Protein backbone atom coordinates (compact mmCIF):
# COMPACT_ATOMS: atom_id res chain seq x y z
CA MET A 1 58.54 128.35 153.38
CA LEU A 2 55.92 125.61 153.44
CA LEU A 3 57.56 122.29 154.28
CA ILE A 4 55.46 119.21 153.53
CA SER A 5 56.51 115.58 153.36
CA MET A 6 54.94 113.44 150.66
CA SER A 7 55.70 110.75 148.13
CA CYS A 8 56.74 112.07 144.72
CA ARG A 9 56.35 111.17 141.12
CA SER A 10 59.97 112.16 140.68
CA THR A 11 62.87 112.60 143.04
CA ARG A 12 65.61 114.60 141.36
CA SER A 13 69.10 113.17 141.35
CA ARG A 14 72.05 115.17 142.60
CA SER A 15 73.23 115.58 139.04
CA THR A 16 72.32 119.01 137.67
CA VAL A 17 71.54 117.52 134.27
CA PRO A 18 69.72 114.17 134.36
CA THR A 19 70.48 111.78 131.53
CA PRO A 20 67.68 110.51 129.28
CA ALA A 21 68.01 107.13 131.00
CA GLN A 22 67.57 108.76 134.40
CA ASN A 23 64.48 110.60 133.18
CA ALA A 24 63.00 107.40 131.77
CA ALA A 25 63.59 105.59 135.06
CA ARG A 26 61.82 108.14 137.26
CA PRO A 27 59.54 106.34 139.73
CA ILE A 28 55.83 107.03 139.87
CA GLY A 29 54.40 108.06 143.23
CA GLN A 30 51.29 109.64 144.64
CA VAL A 31 50.31 113.17 145.58
CA ILE A 32 48.80 113.22 149.06
CA ALA A 33 45.41 114.93 149.48
CA LEU A 34 45.12 116.04 153.09
CA ASN A 35 42.83 119.05 153.42
CA PRO A 36 45.93 121.07 154.45
CA PRO A 37 46.27 124.74 155.44
CA ASN A 38 45.67 127.19 152.58
CA SER A 39 43.10 124.75 151.19
CA ASP A 40 40.54 127.35 150.02
CA PRO A 41 40.30 127.15 146.19
CA MET A 42 39.56 130.88 146.16
CA LEU A 43 43.22 131.48 146.95
CA ASN A 44 43.77 130.72 143.28
CA GLN A 45 43.06 133.97 141.46
CA LEU A 46 41.82 132.34 138.27
CA LEU A 47 39.23 130.31 140.18
CA ALA A 48 38.31 133.37 142.24
CA ALA A 49 37.66 135.31 139.02
CA LEU A 50 34.94 132.89 137.89
CA PRO A 51 31.28 133.80 138.47
CA ARG A 52 29.92 131.70 141.32
CA ASP A 53 27.65 129.55 139.14
CA HIS A 54 30.52 128.78 136.78
CA PHE A 55 32.88 127.91 139.63
CA ALA A 56 30.21 125.47 140.82
CA LEU A 57 30.85 123.41 137.66
CA LEU A 58 34.32 122.67 139.04
CA ALA A 59 33.81 122.81 142.79
CA THR A 60 32.52 119.30 143.48
CA HIS A 61 35.38 117.75 141.49
CA LEU A 62 38.26 119.73 143.02
CA THR A 63 40.66 118.01 145.40
CA THR A 64 43.15 119.87 147.60
CA VAL A 65 46.71 118.52 147.45
CA THR A 66 50.10 119.42 148.89
CA LEU A 67 53.02 119.37 146.48
CA SER A 68 56.62 119.20 147.67
CA GLN A 69 59.60 120.94 146.10
CA ASN A 70 61.16 119.15 143.08
CA LEU A 71 58.06 117.02 142.45
CA VAL A 72 57.60 116.49 138.71
CA LEU A 73 53.90 116.62 137.79
CA ALA A 74 54.37 115.91 134.09
CA GLU A 75 57.08 115.17 131.56
CA THR A 76 57.14 116.36 127.97
CA GLY A 77 54.84 114.09 125.97
CA ASP A 78 52.80 112.90 128.95
CA GLU A 79 49.04 112.83 128.64
CA VAL A 80 47.49 115.65 130.65
CA ASP A 81 45.22 113.84 133.09
CA GLN A 82 45.18 116.36 135.97
CA ILE A 83 44.74 120.13 136.00
CA TYR A 84 46.38 122.13 138.83
CA PHE A 85 45.34 125.48 140.31
CA PRO A 86 48.08 126.64 142.75
CA HIS A 87 47.03 128.38 145.98
CA ASN A 88 50.61 129.50 146.71
CA GLY A 89 54.17 128.49 145.81
CA MET A 90 55.45 128.18 142.25
CA LEU A 91 55.51 125.68 139.39
CA SER A 92 58.22 125.77 136.73
CA LEU A 93 57.63 124.88 133.09
CA LEU A 94 60.81 123.53 131.54
CA ALA A 95 61.87 122.85 127.98
CA VAL A 96 63.80 119.56 127.94
CA MET A 97 66.40 118.68 125.32
CA ARG A 98 67.20 115.19 124.02
CA ASP A 99 70.39 115.04 126.11
CA GLY A 100 68.38 115.65 129.28
CA LYS A 101 69.34 119.30 129.72
CA ALA A 102 66.44 121.53 130.73
CA ILE A 103 65.78 125.25 131.12
CA GLU A 104 62.86 127.13 132.62
CA THR A 105 60.61 128.89 130.12
CA ALA A 106 57.80 130.12 132.40
CA THR A 107 56.44 129.90 135.94
CA VAL A 108 52.94 129.59 137.37
CA GLY A 109 51.74 130.69 140.79
CA ARG A 110 48.34 131.31 142.31
CA GLU A 111 47.41 133.62 139.46
CA GLY A 112 46.98 130.75 137.03
CA VAL A 113 46.57 127.13 136.05
CA VAL A 114 48.73 124.30 134.69
CA GLY A 115 47.10 122.06 132.10
CA GLY A 116 44.30 124.51 131.35
CA MET A 117 44.53 124.04 127.58
CA ALA A 118 43.52 120.39 128.04
CA GLY A 119 40.01 121.79 128.29
CA LEU A 120 40.37 123.02 124.72
CA GLY A 121 41.90 119.94 123.13
CA LEU A 122 45.61 120.06 124.02
CA TYR A 123 45.88 116.69 125.74
CA ILE A 124 49.68 116.24 125.68
CA SER A 125 52.12 118.16 127.90
CA LEU A 126 54.60 120.20 125.85
CA VAL A 127 56.91 120.83 128.82
CA ARG A 128 58.15 119.30 132.04
CA VAL A 129 56.11 120.65 134.97
CA MET A 130 58.02 120.77 138.25
CA VAL A 131 57.20 122.15 141.69
CA GLN A 132 59.77 124.88 142.28
CA LEU A 133 58.41 126.14 145.61
CA PRO A 134 56.28 123.91 147.88
CA MET A 135 52.58 124.56 147.54
CA THR A 136 48.98 123.72 148.16
CA ALA A 137 46.82 123.42 145.05
CA SER A 138 43.40 122.39 143.82
CA LYS A 139 43.43 119.67 141.18
CA ILE A 140 40.75 118.23 138.94
CA SER A 141 40.76 115.41 136.40
CA SER A 142 40.99 116.44 132.77
CA THR A 143 37.72 114.60 132.07
CA HIS A 144 35.74 116.72 134.53
CA PHE A 145 37.64 119.84 133.53
CA ARG A 146 36.81 119.46 129.84
CA LYS A 147 33.13 119.13 130.67
CA ALA A 148 33.26 122.32 132.75
CA VAL A 149 35.11 124.23 130.02
CA ALA A 150 32.56 123.13 127.43
CA ALA A 151 29.75 124.47 129.63
CA SER A 152 31.43 127.72 130.75
CA GLU A 153 32.44 130.54 128.44
CA PRO A 154 34.09 132.51 131.31
CA LEU A 155 36.26 129.51 132.23
CA ARG A 156 37.12 128.94 128.58
CA ASN A 157 38.14 132.58 128.13
CA LEU A 158 40.26 132.58 131.29
CA CYS A 159 42.14 129.50 130.10
CA ILE A 160 42.82 131.05 126.70
CA HIS A 161 43.91 134.32 128.30
CA PHE A 162 46.27 132.64 130.73
CA ASN A 163 47.81 130.60 127.93
CA GLU A 164 48.66 133.91 126.26
CA VAL A 165 50.28 135.00 129.52
CA LEU A 166 52.46 131.88 129.51
CA LEU A 167 53.46 132.46 125.88
CA THR A 168 54.43 136.04 126.73
CA GLN A 169 56.45 134.80 129.71
CA ALA A 170 58.26 132.34 127.46
CA ARG A 171 59.13 135.05 124.94
CA ILE A 172 60.45 137.41 127.63
CA THR A 173 62.43 134.63 129.30
CA ALA A 174 63.98 133.56 125.99
CA ALA A 175 65.09 137.13 125.29
CA CYS A 176 66.42 137.49 128.84
CA ASN A 177 68.46 134.29 128.62
CA ALA A 178 69.97 135.36 125.30
CA LEU A 179 70.69 139.02 126.02
CA HIS A 180 71.32 139.56 129.73
CA PRO A 181 74.28 138.58 131.95
CA VAL A 182 74.01 135.80 134.52
CA GLU A 183 74.00 138.19 137.49
CA ALA A 184 70.98 140.11 136.17
CA ARG A 185 69.13 136.88 135.38
CA PHE A 186 69.97 135.43 138.80
CA ALA A 187 68.60 138.56 140.50
CA ARG A 188 65.47 138.50 138.34
CA TRP A 189 64.81 134.84 139.08
CA LEU A 190 65.38 135.23 142.83
CA LEU A 191 63.00 138.22 142.96
CA GLN A 192 60.36 136.24 141.07
CA SER A 193 60.71 133.33 143.47
CA ALA A 194 60.48 135.58 146.54
CA GLU A 195 57.38 137.23 145.09
CA ARG A 196 55.71 133.84 144.66
CA ALA A 197 56.87 132.63 148.09
CA GLU A 198 55.61 135.90 149.64
CA SER A 199 58.79 135.84 151.72
CA ALA A 200 62.31 137.27 151.66
CA THR A 201 63.62 133.77 152.42
CA VAL A 202 63.50 131.09 149.73
CA GLY A 203 64.73 127.50 149.82
CA LEU A 204 66.75 127.11 146.61
CA THR A 205 70.00 125.28 145.96
CA GLN A 206 72.63 126.67 143.62
CA GLU A 207 72.34 123.44 141.63
CA LEU A 208 68.64 124.05 141.06
CA MET A 209 69.11 127.70 140.13
CA ALA A 210 71.83 126.77 137.66
CA GLU A 211 69.49 124.37 135.89
CA MET A 212 66.62 126.88 135.80
CA LEU A 213 68.89 129.55 134.31
CA GLY A 214 70.64 127.18 131.93
CA VAL A 215 74.12 128.00 133.25
CA ARG A 216 76.92 126.18 135.05
CA ARG A 217 76.75 125.84 138.82
CA THR A 218 80.09 127.64 139.11
CA SER A 219 78.48 130.70 137.49
CA VAL A 220 75.71 130.70 140.09
CA THR A 221 78.24 130.21 142.90
CA GLU A 222 80.22 133.20 141.65
CA VAL A 223 77.17 135.46 141.36
CA ALA A 224 75.73 134.40 144.73
CA GLY A 225 79.10 135.03 146.38
CA LYS A 226 79.32 138.49 144.83
CA LEU A 227 75.81 139.45 145.97
CA GLN A 228 76.46 138.06 149.44
CA ALA A 229 79.72 140.00 149.75
CA ALA A 230 77.83 143.16 148.80
CA GLY A 231 75.31 142.54 151.59
CA ILE A 232 72.42 142.08 149.15
CA ILE A 233 71.65 138.43 150.01
CA SER A 234 72.74 135.78 152.47
CA TYR A 235 73.09 132.16 151.44
CA SER A 236 73.51 129.09 153.62
CA ARG A 237 72.63 125.41 153.19
CA GLY A 238 70.21 125.87 150.33
CA VAL A 239 68.40 128.86 151.85
CA ILE A 240 68.69 132.30 150.26
CA LYS A 241 67.57 135.40 152.16
CA ILE A 242 67.12 138.76 150.46
CA ILE A 243 68.66 141.40 152.73
CA ASP A 244 68.53 144.47 150.46
CA ARG A 245 65.63 144.12 148.05
CA ALA A 246 66.16 147.52 146.41
CA ALA A 247 69.76 146.65 145.61
CA LEU A 248 68.69 143.26 144.23
CA GLU A 249 66.14 144.98 141.98
CA ASN A 250 68.89 147.30 140.75
CA ALA A 251 71.03 144.25 139.97
CA SER A 252 68.17 142.65 138.04
CA CYS A 253 67.43 143.25 134.39
CA GLU A 254 64.29 144.98 133.11
CA CYS A 255 62.61 141.60 132.66
CA TYR A 256 61.73 141.30 136.36
CA ALA A 257 59.58 144.45 136.31
CA THR A 258 58.10 143.46 132.96
CA LEU A 259 57.10 139.98 134.14
CA ILE A 260 55.71 141.16 137.49
CA ASP A 261 53.73 143.96 135.85
CA HIS A 262 52.34 141.51 133.31
CA THR A 263 51.30 139.04 136.03
CA ARG A 264 49.68 141.73 138.18
CA LYS A 265 47.67 143.05 135.24
CA ILE A 266 46.09 139.69 134.52
CA SER A 267 45.52 139.06 138.24
CA SER A 268 43.70 142.33 138.90
């Protein structure tokens, strides 16, 4: 797992569900641009899919940044002023309720972009965007991005297409949350995270997983304990290791295979 120290826009409290007052009081920080490892923009599959002359419209305005786990890039209602193209790791898109409760609706890895619809007129974030797994990413200001989108039909089409991918993810996730038991959803989410981390070991607390799945922490503790007792995973101090991937896939619902297949199709 990529471990990077940086100042954050938001440092999450230890409470699983932040109150509206806590959300309103979140401090503003800075993302550090360092020219870190994994800094090649071509690691992002959407950027890599652009014809060279169309990528050139973005290239001179891209900045490489490192983003630490739990960093909040945008809150619901924020103006979209930066567009992010992950090179690795994972971003979570969360629907936030008035009481501060939140649940994950979709995720974005190196196959896509966050904020891409700002190039087509959607200037306000409709979700909270949070770094779920530490990452390196390319970012560009919305001003420069809109100019590039206006001049590039391939870029415009890729943004529209990926937005459809996110909508499909949201639909599948909503159905999964409503219809499938916690254990199957836990397995699905852990497999997704490992796929994005490109590792069998993922740094995730039970508190964080409970919030992403929209369940109580005790439910996650129970499921994690059951899977650990079965020799499928090991869990210690916020680090989960997949020991028997095949068994974890069997424990997962059909949504894992559906989501992965969908992502691979648009990335090919």
